[in-house]
Amino acid sequence: MAVGETHFPAMPRIEGLRLGAAMSGIKTAHRRDLVVIEVPEGAAVSGTFTRNAFCAAPVTVAREHLAACATRGTAPRYLVINTGNANAGTGETGLRDARATCTELAGLVDVEATSVLPFSTGVIGETLPMERLLAGLPEALRALDDGPAGWAAAGEGILTTDTRPKGASVTLPLGDETITINGISKGSGMIKPNMATMLGFVATDAAIAPAVLDEVLRGAVDQSFNCITVDGDTSTNDACMLIATGRGAAVNDEHRLAVFREGLQRVMNELAQAIVRDGEGATKFVTLQVDGAVTRDEALDVAFTVAHSPLVKTALAASDANWGRILAAVGRAPVADFDVSRVTIDLGGVRLVEQGGCAPGYTEEAGSEVMAQEEIGIRIDLGRGDRGATVWTTDLTREYVAINADYRS
């Protein structure tokens, strides 16, 4: 089940970048579950990772290898991603397996092991089936492709409980030249990233300095993947990588940087929203806009309090215009010196709350009409400042419970 129609785009070629996928049978036979991304020499690579204290072994190793590359003034040359097994909560065995994966791939392509970054997603607490994973690496390398087929295979190969692949692409004018930004992501449940998404891989042909790439990535992640939630659970494996191959136009002045930022944000937002639309069991796509806050963090606190309320989410699932649940969630958000008389809440174009209670003129029929829609907007104005934030979320359905109750079976 997913909300709305989305189509995986035919991704333009990014010069120097190739992607390949294999069926290695890590969890399920006859489906792509192992992806290799080849990065050209001279590229710049930046990443953000989960803040979960029980971060997965591949997150630890990827961070170490990214730092090792930075120390010697190079970028990683290969990314390897497996699905079906998170390699999280696996202790020293998991670290050994993540490093062995890098070493095996490095030997096949003649690079340093620290030039390979590992990523995993799937069931937590189980060790990797290393024999099957390593046996699939040559097939993934043989499948490397720099065109739309490579992106499509990789988009499919990183999925777990997702019902569809997620991709986004923009091509932007930069003076007399153009730059392209392509991205794929995966995620459906255990979504409240706190840094990025479950897994996201974005690449551009732009030439951009590593330090600038780091800064731009963090800004884009903060406005996109850090503004989505399905169930309030932060994964052990979250990672979002941004690769700039340097084979295209240079981003070397403020105007070009602004163009690049805008294009990257478009791609990131589309990927982040695609995750919410494909949320486990989701039947509603909900945009929560909070305005009138003192700080952006305050606005986010209110938005996430509403987005994580089981009572709000189940009302959304039932198309029940029970506006009191929204009001109650706003009221328990961690906001000091709340003046409820200044708060307004709108559902679509319908005013629900003002002056501390139900808005005059509100009717159950008007509220129910909005709640029955597949895409719903909720706007909350706190009336205490000029900052705001937007969060995207889903409803909570019986299917979500069923998917997660049966996840390991």
Protein backbone atom coordinates (compact mmCIF):
# COMPACT_ATOMS: atom_id res chain seq x y z
CA MET A 1 0.00 0.00 0.00
CA ALA A 2 1.32 3.45 -0.89
CA VAL A 3 -0.10 6.94 -1.32
CA GLY A 4 -0.32 8.52 -4.76
CA GLU A 5 1.27 7.69 -8.06
CA THR A 6 5.05 7.91 -8.30
CA HIS A 7 7.24 6.80 -11.17
CA PHE A 8 10.93 5.99 -11.10
CA PRO A 9 12.49 8.42 -13.61
CA ALA A 10 14.85 7.50 -16.43
CA MET A 11 18.01 8.83 -14.79
CA PRO A 12 20.44 10.76 -17.01
CA ARG A 13 24.02 9.56 -17.15
CA ILE A 14 26.43 11.03 -14.59
CA GLU A 15 29.84 10.85 -16.18
CA GLY A 16 32.25 8.60 -14.28
CA LEU A 17 29.63 6.97 -12.03
CA ARG A 18 28.44 3.39 -12.53
CA LEU A 19 25.95 1.25 -10.60
CA GLY A 20 25.33 -2.50 -10.60
CA ALA A 21 23.06 -4.89 -8.71
CA ALA A 22 23.04 -8.64 -8.09
CA MET A 23 20.75 -11.32 -6.67
CA SER A 24 22.77 -12.90 -3.87
CA GLY A 25 19.95 -14.46 -1.84
CA ILE A 26 20.81 -12.66 1.40
CA LYS A 27 17.22 -13.00 2.66
CA THR A 28 15.01 -13.79 -0.33
CA ALA A 29 15.89 -15.65 -3.50
CA HIS A 30 15.47 -14.16 -6.97
CA ARG A 31 15.49 -10.48 -6.05
CA ARG A 32 18.19 -7.84 -6.30
CA ASP A 33 19.72 -7.36 -2.86
CA LEU A 34 23.35 -6.36 -3.42
CA VAL A 35 24.39 -3.07 -5.04
CA VAL A 36 27.80 -1.68 -5.95
CA ILE A 37 28.36 1.97 -6.86
CA GLU A 38 31.64 2.85 -8.59
CA VAL A 39 32.98 6.37 -7.96
CA PRO A 40 35.60 7.85 -10.31
CA GLU A 41 38.98 9.10 -9.19
CA GLY A 42 39.00 12.79 -8.35
CA ALA A 43 35.44 12.80 -7.03
CA ALA A 44 34.27 14.30 -3.73
CA VAL A 45 32.11 12.23 -1.37
CA SER A 46 30.21 13.40 1.71
CA GLY A 47 27.98 11.49 4.11
CA THR A 48 25.66 11.78 7.07
CA PHE A 49 24.92 8.86 9.38
CA THR A 50 22.51 7.77 12.09
CA ARG A 51 22.81 9.10 15.62
CA ASN A 52 21.42 5.89 17.08
CA ALA A 53 23.88 4.76 19.78
CA PHE A 54 23.52 1.17 18.57
CA CYS A 55 24.70 2.14 15.09
CA ALA A 56 25.21 -0.77 12.73
CA ALA A 57 28.65 -2.20 11.99
CA PRO A 58 28.66 -0.84 8.41
CA VAL A 59 27.96 2.66 9.74
CA THR A 60 31.01 2.43 12.00
CA VAL A 61 33.19 1.10 9.18
CA ALA A 62 31.89 3.59 6.61
CA ARG A 63 32.72 6.46 8.94
CA GLU A 64 36.21 5.07 9.54
CA HIS A 65 36.88 4.58 5.84
CA LEU A 66 35.51 8.00 4.91
CA ALA A 67 37.85 9.57 7.48
CA ALA A 68 40.80 7.50 6.19
CA CYS A 69 40.16 8.73 2.64
CA ALA A 70 39.97 12.33 3.83
CA THR A 71 43.29 11.95 5.66
CA ARG A 72 45.07 10.91 2.48
CA GLY A 73 43.26 13.52 0.37
CA THR A 74 41.21 11.09 -1.73
CA ALA A 75 37.59 10.03 -1.98
CA PRO A 76 36.07 6.53 -1.61
CA ARG A 77 36.02 4.60 -4.89
CA TYR A 78 33.24 2.10 -4.20
CA LEU A 79 30.06 1.83 -2.16
CA VAL A 80 28.59 -1.61 -1.44
CA ILE A 81 25.03 -1.98 -0.15
CA ASN A 82 23.21 -5.10 0.96
CA THR A 83 19.55 -5.49 1.91
CA GLY A 84 17.81 -8.20 3.91
CA ASN A 85 20.22 -7.96 6.84
CA ALA A 86 21.14 -4.81 8.79
CA ASN A 87 24.34 -6.20 10.34
CA ALA A 88 23.33 -4.22 13.45
CA GLY A 89 23.53 -5.42 17.02
CA THR A 90 26.14 -7.94 15.87
CA GLY A 91 29.17 -6.79 17.91
CA GLU A 92 32.69 -7.66 16.80
CA THR A 93 31.42 -10.27 14.35
CA GLY A 94 29.48 -7.58 12.51
CA LEU A 95 32.49 -5.28 12.32
CA ARG A 96 34.63 -8.13 11.03
CA ASP A 97 32.05 -8.99 8.37
CA ALA A 98 31.67 -5.37 7.24
CA ARG A 99 35.44 -5.03 6.90
CA ALA A 100 35.69 -8.39 5.12
CA THR A 101 33.11 -7.21 2.60
CA CYS A 102 35.21 -4.12 1.87
CA THR A 103 38.40 -6.17 1.62
CA GLU A 104 36.83 -8.65 -0.79
CA LEU A 105 35.46 -5.95 -3.09
CA ALA A 106 38.72 -3.99 -2.90
CA GLY A 107 40.64 -7.08 -4.04
CA LEU A 108 38.33 -7.54 -7.01
CA VAL A 109 38.81 -3.96 -8.24
CA ASP A 110 42.38 -3.30 -7.02
CA VAL A 111 41.81 -0.46 -4.56
CA GLU A 112 42.55 0.05 -0.87
CA ALA A 113 40.01 -1.60 1.44
CA THR A 114 39.46 1.80 3.06
CA SER A 115 38.36 3.09 -0.35
CA VAL A 116 35.20 0.96 -0.01
CA LEU A 117 32.23 2.09 2.11
CA PRO A 118 29.73 -0.57 3.30
CA PHE A 119 26.00 -0.09 3.91
CA SER A 120 23.37 -2.57 5.10
CA THR A 121 19.63 -2.57 5.75
CA GLY A 122 17.20 -5.21 6.94
CA VAL A 123 16.72 -7.34 10.03
CA ILE A 124 18.62 -6.22 13.17
CA GLY A 125 20.54 -8.70 15.32
CA GLU A 126 21.40 -11.34 12.73
CA THR A 127 24.86 -11.88 11.27
CA LEU A 128 25.43 -11.49 7.56
CA PRO A 129 25.35 -14.59 5.36
CA MET A 130 28.89 -13.81 4.20
CA GLU A 131 29.30 -16.67 1.76
CA ARG A 132 26.28 -15.57 -0.26
CA LEU A 133 27.09 -11.86 0.02
CA LEU A 134 30.70 -12.21 -1.12
CA ALA A 135 29.71 -14.57 -3.93
CA GLY A 136 27.38 -11.90 -5.29
CA LEU A 137 30.05 -9.19 -5.61
CA PRO A 138 31.43 -10.32 -9.01
CA GLU A 139 27.90 -10.35 -10.45
CA ALA A 140 27.27 -6.81 -9.19
CA LEU A 141 30.56 -5.66 -10.73
CA ARG A 142 29.71 -7.27 -14.08
CA ALA A 143 26.40 -5.41 -14.03
CA LEU A 144 27.97 -1.95 -13.57
CA ASP A 145 26.21 0.52 -15.87
CA ASP A 146 26.42 4.31 -16.16
CA GLY A 147 22.99 4.78 -17.73
CA PRO A 148 19.34 4.62 -16.66
CA ALA A 149 19.45 0.82 -16.33
CA GLY A 150 22.14 1.03 -13.65
CA TRP A 151 20.15 3.55 -11.62
CA ALA A 152 16.95 1.51 -11.96
CA ALA A 153 18.64 -1.71 -10.86
CA ALA A 154 20.25 0.02 -7.88
CA GLY A 155 16.97 1.68 -6.91
CA GLU A 156 15.34 -1.74 -6.80
CA GLY A 157 18.31 -3.43 -5.15
CA ILE A 158 18.31 -1.29 -1.99
CA LEU A 159 14.65 -1.93 -1.03
CA THR A 160 13.38 -3.86 2.00
CA THR A 161 9.70 -3.49 2.93
CA ASP A 162 9.31 -0.72 0.35
CA THR A 163 6.60 -1.34 -2.23
CA ARG A 164 8.34 0.64 -4.98
CA PRO A 165 11.74 2.11 -5.85
CA LYS A 166 12.32 5.80 -5.17
CA GLY A 167 14.29 8.05 -7.49
CA ALA A 168 14.56 11.72 -8.37
CA SER A 169 16.57 13.72 -10.88
CA VAL A 170 17.08 17.32 -11.99
CA THR A 171 19.22 18.91 -14.69
CA LEU A 172 20.06 22.56 -14.11
CA PRO A 173 21.57 25.31 -16.26
CA LEU A 174 24.87 26.64 -14.96
CA GLY A 175 26.03 29.42 -17.25
CA ASP A 176 26.58 27.88 -20.66
CA GLU A 177 26.73 24.42 -19.11
CA THR A 178 24.38 22.13 -17.19
CA ILE A 179 24.70 19.91 -14.14
CA THR A 180 22.68 16.82 -13.27
CA ILE A 181 21.71 15.57 -9.81
CA ASN A 182 20.34 12.02 -9.47
CA GLY A 183 19.26 10.27 -6.31
CA ILE A 184 17.77 7.04 -5.00
CA SER A 185 16.52 6.24 -1.52
CA LYS A 186 14.89 3.44 0.41
CA GLY A 187 12.74 3.51 3.50
CA SER A 188 9.23 2.59 4.54
CA GLY A 189 9.28 1.80 8.26
CA MET A 190 11.57 2.65 11.18
CA ILE A 191 11.50 6.19 9.83
CA LYS A 192 12.38 9.16 12.00
CA PRO A 193 15.86 9.67 10.68
CA ASN A 194 17.61 12.19 12.95
CA MET A 195 20.28 12.71 10.28
CA ALA A 196 19.20 11.32 6.93
CA THR A 197 16.98 8.56 5.62
CA MET A 198 17.24 4.82 6.03
CA LEU A 199 19.52 4.81 2.97
CA GLY A 200 20.00 7.51 0.36
CA PHE A 201 22.52 7.85 -2.45
CA VAL A 202 22.72 11.07 -4.45
CA ALA A 203 25.22 11.90 -7.18
CA THR A 204 26.03 14.87 -9.38
CA ASP A 205 28.50 15.55 -12.17
CA ALA A 206 29.24 18.98 -10.69
CA ALA A 207 32.77 19.88 -9.59
CA ILE A 208 32.50 21.08 -6.01
CA ALA A 209 35.01 21.30 -3.16
CA PRO A 210 34.68 18.58 -0.47
CA ALA A 211 34.18 21.07 2.37
CA VAL A 212 31.42 22.83 0.46
CA LEU A 213 29.84 19.47 -0.41
CA ASP A 214 29.75 18.57 3.29
CA GLU A 215 28.04 21.81 4.20
CA VAL A 216 25.50 21.63 1.38
CA LEU A 217 24.60 18.02 2.17
CA ARG A 218 23.94 18.73 5.82
CA GLY A 219 21.73 21.69 4.97
CA ALA A 220 19.72 19.70 2.44
CA VAL A 221 19.32 16.73 4.80
CA ASP A 222 18.13 18.99 7.60
CA GLN A 223 15.32 20.36 5.42
CA SER A 224 14.28 17.01 3.93
CA PHE A 225 15.13 13.64 5.45
CA ASN A 226 15.23 15.11 8.95
CA CYS A 227 11.67 16.37 8.42
CA ILE A 228 9.97 13.02 7.79
CA THR A 229 8.52 10.44 10.13
CA VAL A 230 6.43 7.32 9.69
CA ASP A 231 6.61 5.80 13.16
CA GLY A 232 9.09 7.82 15.22
CA ASP A 233 11.77 5.11 15.20
CA THR A 234 15.34 6.05 14.24
CA SER A 235 17.15 3.25 12.43
CA THR A 236 20.52 1.83 13.42
CA ASN A 237 21.61 2.00 9.77
CA ASP A 238 20.63 5.43 8.46
CA ALA A 239 23.03 6.89 5.93
CA CYS A 240 22.84 9.47 3.16
CA MET A 241 25.73 9.91 0.75
CA LEU A 242 26.39 12.69 -1.75
CA ILE A 243 28.89 12.09 -4.57
CA ALA A 244 30.22 14.82 -6.86
CA THR A 245 32.16 13.26 -9.73
CA GLY A 246 33.73 16.56 -10.80
CA ARG A 247 33.31 15.73 -14.49
CA GLY A 248 30.86 18.57 -15.16
CA ALA A 249 30.49 22.29 -14.56
CA ALA A 250 32.28 23.85 -11.60
CA VAL A 251 30.30 25.17 -8.65
CA ASN A 252 32.78 27.92 -7.89
CA ASP A 253 30.87 31.08 -7.02
CA GLU A 254 27.87 32.12 -4.91
CA HIS A 255 25.40 32.15 -7.80
CA ARG A 256 26.35 28.66 -8.94
CA LEU A 257 26.27 27.41 -5.37
CA ALA A 258 22.75 28.80 -4.92
CA VAL A 259 21.60 27.02 -8.09
CA PHE A 260 23.18 23.78 -6.90
CA ARG A 261 21.61 24.08 -3.43
CA GLU A 262 18.18 24.61 -4.90
CA GLY A 263 18.50 21.61 -7.22
CA LEU A 264 19.84 19.37 -4.49
CA GLN A 265 17.01 20.38 -2.16
CA ARG A 266 14.46 19.50 -4.84
CA VAL A 267 15.94 16.04 -5.23
CA MET A 268 16.24 15.47 -1.48
CA ASN A 269 12.68 16.65 -0.80
CA GLU A 270 11.29 14.39 -3.52
CA LEU A 271 13.17 11.38 -2.16
CA ALA A 272 12.16 12.13 1.43
CA GLN A 273 8.51 12.58 0.55
CA ALA A 274 8.59 9.36 -1.51
CA ILE A 275 9.57 7.50 1.66
CA VAL A 276 6.55 8.91 3.50
CA ARG A 277 4.23 8.12 0.59
CA ASP A 278 5.49 4.53 0.77
CA GLY A 279 5.27 4.35 4.56
CA GLU A 280 4.35 0.92 5.86
CA GLY A 281 0.58 0.55 5.63
CA ALA A 282 0.12 4.25 4.78
CA THR A 283 -3.13 5.47 3.24
CA LYS A 284 -2.56 9.19 3.90
CA PHE A 285 0.25 11.63 3.11
CA VAL A 286 0.18 14.43 5.67
CA THR A 287 1.95 17.78 5.54
CA LEU A 288 2.30 19.42 8.96
CA GLN A 289 3.17 23.10 8.74
CA VAL A 290 3.92 24.90 12.01
CA ASP A 291 4.30 28.69 11.90
CA GLY A 292 4.48 31.45 14.47
CA ALA A 293 7.20 29.76 16.53
CA VAL A 294 10.05 31.48 18.35
CA THR A 295 12.63 29.13 16.78
CA ARG A 296 12.65 26.49 14.05
CA ASP A 297 13.42 23.85 16.67
CA GLU A 298 10.29 24.87 18.58
CA ALA A 299 8.23 24.53 15.39
CA LEU A 300 9.73 21.08 14.76
CA ASP A 301 8.96 20.02 18.35
CA VAL A 302 5.30 20.85 17.84
CA ALA A 303 5.13 19.28 14.39
CA PHE A 304 6.73 16.01 15.50
CA THR A 305 4.57 15.84 18.64
CA VAL A 306 1.49 15.88 16.42
CA ALA A 307 3.04 13.60 13.81
CA HIS A 308 3.93 10.96 16.42
CA SER A 309 0.59 10.97 18.25
CA PRO A 310 -1.02 7.52 17.83
CA LEU A 311 -4.42 9.12 18.43
CA VAL A 312 -3.90 11.67 15.64
CA LYS A 313 -2.48 9.05 13.29
CA THR A 314 -5.34 6.60 13.85
CA ALA A 315 -7.90 9.38 13.38
CA LEU A 316 -6.23 10.13 10.05
CA ALA A 317 -6.45 6.45 9.12
CA ALA A 318 -10.17 6.42 9.91
CA SER A 319 -10.80 9.78 8.18
CA ASP A 320 -12.23 10.88 11.53
CA ALA A 321 -12.30 14.66 11.98
CA ASN A 322 -11.52 14.36 15.69
CA TRP A 323 -9.80 17.74 15.90
CA GLY A 324 -9.50 17.51 19.69
CA ARG A 325 -6.70 14.97 19.24
CA ILE A 326 -4.67 17.49 17.24
CA LEU A 327 -5.33 20.22 19.82
CA ALA A 328 -4.26 17.91 22.66
CA ALA A 329 -1.03 16.95 20.88
CA VAL A 330 -0.13 20.59 20.25
CA GLY A 331 -0.79 21.35 23.91
CA ARG A 332 1.62 18.70 25.20
CA ALA A 333 4.48 19.72 22.91
CA PRO A 334 7.60 20.88 24.81
CA VAL A 335 6.92 24.61 24.45
CA ALA A 336 7.44 26.97 27.39
CA ASP A 337 4.92 29.71 28.23
CA PHE A 338 2.31 28.48 25.77
CA ASP A 339 -0.57 30.94 25.26
CA VAL A 340 -3.27 28.68 23.84
CA SER A 341 -5.53 31.63 23.05
CA ARG A 342 -3.11 32.66 20.28
CA VAL A 343 -2.95 29.23 18.62
CA THR A 344 -4.85 28.51 15.41
CA ILE A 345 -5.16 25.12 13.73
CA ASP A 346 -6.36 24.59 10.16
CA LEU A 347 -7.19 21.34 8.42
CA GLY A 348 -6.82 21.99 4.72
CA GLY A 349 -8.84 25.19 4.22
CA VAL A 350 -10.99 24.55 7.29
CA ARG A 351 -10.31 26.47 10.52
CA LEU A 352 -10.52 24.02 13.44
CA VAL A 353 -9.23 25.91 16.45
CA GLU A 354 -8.89 29.52 17.57
CA GLN A 355 -9.13 31.42 20.85
CA GLY A 356 -8.46 28.21 22.80
CA GLY A 357 -11.34 26.17 21.40
CA CYS A 358 -13.37 25.13 18.39
CA ALA A 359 -13.45 27.82 15.74
CA PRO A 360 -16.82 29.52 15.15
CA GLY A 361 -18.40 28.24 11.98
CA TYR A 362 -16.57 24.90 12.03
CA THR A 363 -18.70 21.95 10.97
CA GLU A 364 -18.05 18.22 11.28
CA GLU A 365 -19.03 17.85 7.64
CA ALA A 366 -16.31 20.26 6.47
CA GLY A 367 -13.65 18.57 8.62
CA SER A 368 -14.68 15.09 7.51
CA GLU A 369 -14.47 16.09 3.86
CA VAL A 370 -10.81 17.07 4.28
CA MET A 371 -9.96 14.00 6.39
CA ALA A 372 -11.32 11.71 3.67
CA GLN A 373 -8.70 12.98 1.22
CA GLU A 374 -5.52 11.00 0.46
CA GLU A 375 -3.31 14.07 0.90
CA ILE A 376 -3.98 16.24 3.94
CA GLY A 377 -2.48 19.50 5.14
CA ILE A 378 -2.52 20.56 8.80
CA ARG A 379 -1.35 24.08 9.60
CA ILE A 380 -0.65 25.19 13.16
CA ASP A 381 0.17 28.81 14.01
CA LEU A 382 1.53 29.29 17.52
CA GLY A 383 1.20 33.09 17.40
CA ARG A 384 4.44 33.71 19.29
CA GLY A 385 7.19 34.30 16.70
CA ASP A 386 8.15 34.34 13.04
CA ARG A 387 9.82 30.95 12.57
CA GLY A 388 8.34 27.83 11.08
CA ALA A 389 8.97 24.26 9.90
CA THR A 390 7.35 21.59 7.77
CA VAL A 391 7.17 17.88 8.60
CA TRP A 392 5.76 15.09 6.43
CA THR A 393 4.11 12.03 7.95
CA THR A 394 1.53 9.26 7.49
CA ASP A 395 -1.47 7.75 9.20
CA LEU A 396 -1.23 4.59 11.33
CA THR A 397 -3.16 1.60 10.01
CA ARG A 398 -3.78 -2.05 10.84
CA GLU A 399 -1.51 -2.94 7.93
CA TYR A 400 1.44 -1.20 9.61
CA VAL A 401 0.95 -3.46 12.63
CA ALA A 402 0.65 -6.54 10.41
CA ILE A 403 3.80 -5.72 8.42
CA ASN A 404 5.91 -5.28 11.53
CA ALA A 405 4.38 -8.18 13.43
CA ASP A 406 5.32 -10.50 10.53
CA TYR A 407 8.60 -8.80 9.54
CA ARG A 408 10.93 -11.67 10.41
CA SER A 409 8.67 -14.48 9.23
